[in-house]
Amino acid sequence: MSEGTTERYRVKISATLDPDLLQAVDRFVRETPHYSRSQVIEDALQLWSKQQLERQMAAQYELQPSDPEPDEWADWRHIRRAAATRSLGKE
């Protein structure tokens, strides 16, 4: 696969935008020649996607953690004792 084939993996869409917003995008594209409308929209969608992920992670952290099961605590105690025994050389 050659380097120039990435364009065929893009999907063309149609969107209805606020005219003032589109003017701002067009002004930016005129002032920044290596950008296109498509690149500005893709950058905006990537930023939106990142924000959505951050919101989802924040919501997950806000959930109350569940208490570990008693068996899990027993397993951790066993692991700690084994590690302490090894590190203190008391095998």
N, C-alpha and C. Protein backbone atom coordinates (compact mmCIF):
# COMPACT_ATOMS: atom_id res chain seq x y z
N MET A 1 0.84 -1.18 0.00
CA MET A 1 0.00 0.00 0.00
C MET A 1 0.89 1.24 0.00
N SER A 2 0.61 2.17 -0.85
CA SER A 2 1.44 3.36 -0.94
C SER A 2 1.00 4.42 0.06
N GLU A 3 1.87 5.40 0.26
CA GLU A 3 1.61 6.47 1.22
C GLU A 3 0.41 7.33 0.80
N GLY A 4 0.14 7.45 -0.49
CA GLY A 4 -0.91 8.34 -0.97
C GLY A 4 -2.30 7.73 -0.96
N THR A 5 -2.48 6.58 -0.36
CA THR A 5 -3.78 5.91 -0.41
C THR A 5 -4.67 6.23 0.77
N THR A 6 -4.24 7.07 1.70
CA THR A 6 -5.06 7.33 2.88
C THR A 6 -6.36 8.05 2.54
N GLU A 7 -6.39 8.83 1.45
CA GLU A 7 -7.58 9.60 1.10
C GLU A 7 -8.76 8.69 0.77
N ARG A 8 -8.53 7.54 0.21
CA ARG A 8 -9.65 6.68 -0.16
C ARG A 8 -10.34 6.07 1.06
N TYR A 9 -9.71 6.13 2.21
CA TYR A 9 -10.32 5.60 3.43
C TYR A 9 -11.15 6.66 4.16
N ARG A 10 -11.22 7.82 3.63
CA ARG A 10 -12.02 8.88 4.21
C ARG A 10 -13.45 8.77 3.69
N VAL A 11 -14.39 9.22 4.50
CA VAL A 11 -15.80 9.19 4.13
C VAL A 11 -16.27 10.62 3.89
N LYS A 12 -16.89 10.85 2.77
CA LYS A 12 -17.41 12.18 2.46
C LYS A 12 -18.80 12.31 3.07
N ILE A 13 -19.02 13.44 3.76
CA ILE A 13 -20.32 13.69 4.40
C ILE A 13 -20.83 15.05 3.99
N SER A 14 -22.05 15.32 4.35
CA SER A 14 -22.65 16.63 4.15
C SER A 14 -23.11 17.11 5.51
N ALA A 15 -22.91 18.40 5.80
CA ALA A 15 -23.32 18.94 7.09
C ALA A 15 -23.90 20.33 6.89
N THR A 16 -24.84 20.69 7.73
CA THR A 16 -25.42 22.01 7.72
C THR A 16 -24.82 22.79 8.89
N LEU A 17 -24.21 23.93 8.59
CA LEU A 17 -23.50 24.70 9.61
C LEU A 17 -24.04 26.12 9.70
N ASP A 18 -23.82 26.72 10.84
CA ASP A 18 -24.13 28.13 11.05
C ASP A 18 -23.24 28.94 10.08
N PRO A 19 -23.81 29.87 9.33
CA PRO A 19 -23.01 30.63 8.37
C PRO A 19 -21.84 31.38 9.00
N ASP A 20 -22.02 31.92 10.19
CA ASP A 20 -20.93 32.64 10.85
C ASP A 20 -19.79 31.68 11.19
N LEU A 21 -20.13 30.49 11.62
CA LEU A 21 -19.11 29.50 11.94
C LEU A 21 -18.35 29.09 10.68
N LEU A 22 -19.07 28.89 9.59
CA LEU A 22 -18.42 28.54 8.34
C LEU A 22 -17.52 29.66 7.84
N GLN A 23 -17.95 30.90 8.03
CA GLN A 23 -17.09 32.04 7.65
C GLN A 23 -15.80 32.02 8.45
N ALA A 24 -15.90 31.71 9.74
CA ALA A 24 -14.70 31.65 10.57
C ALA A 24 -13.77 30.53 10.09
N VAL A 25 -14.35 29.40 9.73
CA VAL A 25 -13.54 28.29 9.21
C VAL A 25 -12.87 28.71 7.90
N ASP A 26 -13.63 29.29 7.00
CA ASP A 26 -13.08 29.71 5.70
C ASP A 26 -11.98 30.75 5.88
N ARG A 27 -12.17 31.68 6.81
CA ARG A 27 -11.14 32.69 7.08
C ARG A 27 -9.86 32.01 7.57
N PHE A 28 -10.01 31.05 8.48
CA PHE A 28 -8.85 30.31 8.99
C PHE A 28 -8.15 29.56 7.85
N VAL A 29 -8.93 28.92 6.99
CA VAL A 29 -8.34 28.15 5.88
C VAL A 29 -7.59 29.09 4.92
N ARG A 30 -8.14 30.26 4.66
CA ARG A 30 -7.45 31.23 3.79
C ARG A 30 -6.12 31.66 4.41
N GLU A 31 -6.11 31.83 5.73
CA GLU A 31 -4.90 32.31 6.42
C GLU A 31 -3.92 31.19 6.72
N THR A 32 -4.35 29.96 6.61
CA THR A 32 -3.52 28.80 6.92
C THR A 32 -3.59 27.84 5.74
N PRO A 33 -2.75 28.06 4.73
CA PRO A 33 -2.88 27.33 3.46
C PRO A 33 -2.81 25.80 3.57
N HIS A 34 -2.12 25.26 4.55
CA HIS A 34 -2.02 23.80 4.62
C HIS A 34 -3.25 23.16 5.25
N TYR A 35 -4.23 23.97 5.63
CA TYR A 35 -5.49 23.47 6.18
C TYR A 35 -6.59 23.56 5.14
N SER A 36 -7.53 22.63 5.24
CA SER A 36 -8.72 22.66 4.40
C SER A 36 -9.93 22.65 5.34
N ARG A 37 -11.09 22.88 4.78
CA ARG A 37 -12.31 22.77 5.59
C ARG A 37 -12.39 21.38 6.23
N SER A 38 -12.08 20.38 5.42
CA SER A 38 -12.15 19.00 5.93
C SER A 38 -11.22 18.80 7.12
N GLN A 39 -10.01 19.35 7.04
CA GLN A 39 -9.06 19.18 8.14
C GLN A 39 -9.53 19.90 9.39
N VAL A 40 -10.11 21.09 9.23
CA VAL A 40 -10.64 21.83 10.38
C VAL A 40 -11.76 21.03 11.03
N ILE A 41 -12.66 20.49 10.22
CA ILE A 41 -13.78 19.70 10.77
C ILE A 41 -13.25 18.44 11.43
N GLU A 42 -12.27 17.78 10.80
CA GLU A 42 -11.71 16.57 11.41
C GLU A 42 -11.03 16.90 12.74
N ASP A 43 -10.27 17.98 12.79
CA ASP A 43 -9.64 18.40 14.06
C ASP A 43 -10.69 18.67 15.13
N ALA A 44 -11.78 19.34 14.73
CA ALA A 44 -12.84 19.65 15.69
C ALA A 44 -13.49 18.37 16.20
N LEU A 45 -13.72 17.41 15.31
CA LEU A 45 -14.34 16.15 15.73
C LEU A 45 -13.39 15.33 16.61
N GLN A 46 -12.10 15.40 16.33
CA GLN A 46 -11.15 14.70 17.20
C GLN A 46 -11.14 15.32 18.59
N LEU A 47 -11.20 16.64 18.66
CA LEU A 47 -11.27 17.33 19.95
C LEU A 47 -12.55 16.95 20.68
N TRP A 48 -13.66 16.93 19.97
CA TRP A 48 -14.94 16.52 20.56
C TRP A 48 -14.87 15.09 21.08
N SER A 49 -14.28 14.21 20.30
CA SER A 49 -14.15 12.80 20.71
C SER A 49 -13.31 12.68 21.98
N LYS A 50 -12.22 13.43 22.05
CA LYS A 50 -11.36 13.43 23.24
C LYS A 50 -12.13 13.93 24.47
N GLN A 51 -12.91 14.99 24.29
CA GLN A 51 -13.71 15.53 25.39
C GLN A 51 -14.75 14.52 25.86
N GLN A 52 -15.36 13.79 24.93
CA GLN A 52 -16.33 12.77 25.31
C GLN A 52 -15.68 11.68 26.14
N LEU A 53 -14.49 11.26 25.74
CA LEU A 53 -13.76 10.24 26.49
C LEU A 53 -13.42 10.74 27.89
N GLU A 54 -12.97 11.99 27.99
CA GLU A 54 -12.65 12.57 29.29
C GLU A 54 -13.89 12.65 30.18
N ARG A 55 -15.03 13.00 29.61
CA ARG A 55 -16.28 13.05 30.39
C ARG A 55 -16.67 11.66 30.88
N GLN A 56 -16.52 10.67 30.01
CA GLN A 56 -16.84 9.30 30.40
C GLN A 56 -15.92 8.82 31.52
N MET A 57 -14.63 9.16 31.42
CA MET A 57 -13.68 8.76 32.47
C MET A 57 -14.01 9.46 33.78
N ALA A 58 -14.35 10.73 33.71
CA ALA A 58 -14.70 11.48 34.93
C ALA A 58 -15.94 10.88 35.58
N ALA A 59 -16.93 10.52 34.77
CA ALA A 59 -18.14 9.90 35.31
C ALA A 59 -17.82 8.56 35.97
N GLN A 60 -16.91 7.82 35.37
CA GLN A 60 -16.52 6.52 35.93
C GLN A 60 -15.82 6.71 37.28
N TYR A 61 -14.97 7.73 37.38
CA TYR A 61 -14.26 7.97 38.64
C TYR A 61 -15.19 8.48 39.73
N GLU A 62 -16.29 9.11 39.34
CA GLU A 62 -17.24 9.61 40.33
C GLU A 62 -18.08 8.50 40.96
N LEU A 63 -18.13 7.35 40.33
CA LEU A 63 -18.88 6.23 40.89
C LEU A 63 -18.24 5.76 42.18
N GLN A 64 -19.05 5.34 43.12
CA GLN A 64 -18.53 4.82 44.38
C GLN A 64 -17.86 3.47 44.12
N PRO A 65 -16.62 3.32 44.58
CA PRO A 65 -15.97 2.03 44.38
C PRO A 65 -16.66 0.95 45.22
N SER A 66 -16.73 -0.22 44.67
CA SER A 66 -17.34 -1.32 45.42
C SER A 66 -16.31 -1.87 46.40
N ASP A 67 -16.78 -2.40 47.52
CA ASP A 67 -15.89 -3.01 48.50
C ASP A 67 -15.37 -4.32 47.94
N PRO A 68 -14.07 -4.57 48.11
CA PRO A 68 -13.52 -5.84 47.64
C PRO A 68 -14.17 -7.00 48.38
N GLU A 69 -14.29 -8.10 47.71
CA GLU A 69 -14.86 -9.30 48.31
C GLU A 69 -13.92 -9.82 49.40
N PRO A 70 -14.46 -10.48 50.42
CA PRO A 70 -13.61 -11.02 51.49
C PRO A 70 -12.51 -11.95 50.95
N ASP A 71 -12.82 -12.75 49.94
CA ASP A 71 -11.80 -13.64 49.36
C ASP A 71 -10.66 -12.84 48.73
N GLU A 72 -11.02 -11.70 48.12
CA GLU A 72 -10.00 -10.86 47.50
C GLU A 72 -9.06 -10.29 48.57
N TRP A 73 -9.63 -9.85 49.70
CA TRP A 73 -8.80 -9.35 50.80
C TRP A 73 -7.87 -10.46 51.32
N ALA A 74 -8.38 -11.65 51.46
CA ALA A 74 -7.57 -12.78 51.93
C ALA A 74 -6.43 -13.05 50.95
N ASP A 75 -6.72 -12.98 49.65
CA ASP A 75 -5.66 -13.19 48.65
C ASP A 75 -4.58 -12.12 48.77
N TRP A 76 -4.99 -10.86 48.96
CA TRP A 76 -4.01 -9.78 49.09
C TRP A 76 -3.16 -9.96 50.35
N ARG A 77 -3.77 -10.37 51.45
CA ARG A 77 -3.00 -10.61 52.67
C ARG A 77 -1.96 -11.70 52.43
N HIS A 78 -2.34 -12.75 51.75
CA HIS A 78 -1.43 -13.85 51.44
C HIS A 78 -0.26 -13.36 50.58
N ILE A 79 -0.56 -12.55 49.57
CA ILE A 79 0.48 -12.01 48.68
C ILE A 79 1.43 -11.11 49.47
N ARG A 80 0.89 -10.24 50.34
CA ARG A 80 1.74 -9.35 51.14
C ARG A 80 2.65 -10.14 52.07
N ARG A 81 2.10 -11.16 52.73
CA ARG A 81 2.91 -11.98 53.64
C ARG A 81 4.02 -12.68 52.88
N ALA A 82 3.70 -13.23 51.71
CA ALA A 82 4.72 -13.93 50.91
C ALA A 82 5.82 -12.97 50.48
N ALA A 83 5.43 -11.75 50.06
CA ALA A 83 6.42 -10.76 49.64
C ALA A 83 7.29 -10.33 50.82
N ALA A 84 6.67 -10.12 51.98
CA ALA A 84 7.43 -9.72 53.17
C ALA A 84 8.39 -10.83 53.58
N THR A 85 7.94 -12.06 53.52
CA THR A 85 8.79 -13.20 53.88
C THR A 85 9.99 -13.28 52.95
N ARG A 86 9.75 -13.11 51.64
CA ARG A 86 10.85 -13.15 50.67
C ARG A 86 11.82 -12.01 50.90
N SER A 87 11.31 -10.82 51.12
CA SER A 87 12.20 -9.67 51.26
C SER A 87 12.97 -9.70 52.57
N LEU A 88 12.42 -10.33 53.60
CA LEU A 88 13.12 -10.43 54.88
C LEU A 88 13.96 -11.70 54.99
N GLY A 89 13.89 -12.52 53.95
CA GLY A 89 14.69 -13.74 53.93
C GLY A 89 14.28 -14.77 54.95
N LYS A 90 13.01 -14.88 55.27
CA LYS A 90 12.53 -15.81 56.28
C LYS A 90 11.85 -17.03 55.68
N GLU A 91 12.32 -17.47 54.52
CA GLU A 91 11.65 -18.61 53.89
C GLU A 91 11.99 -19.90 54.57
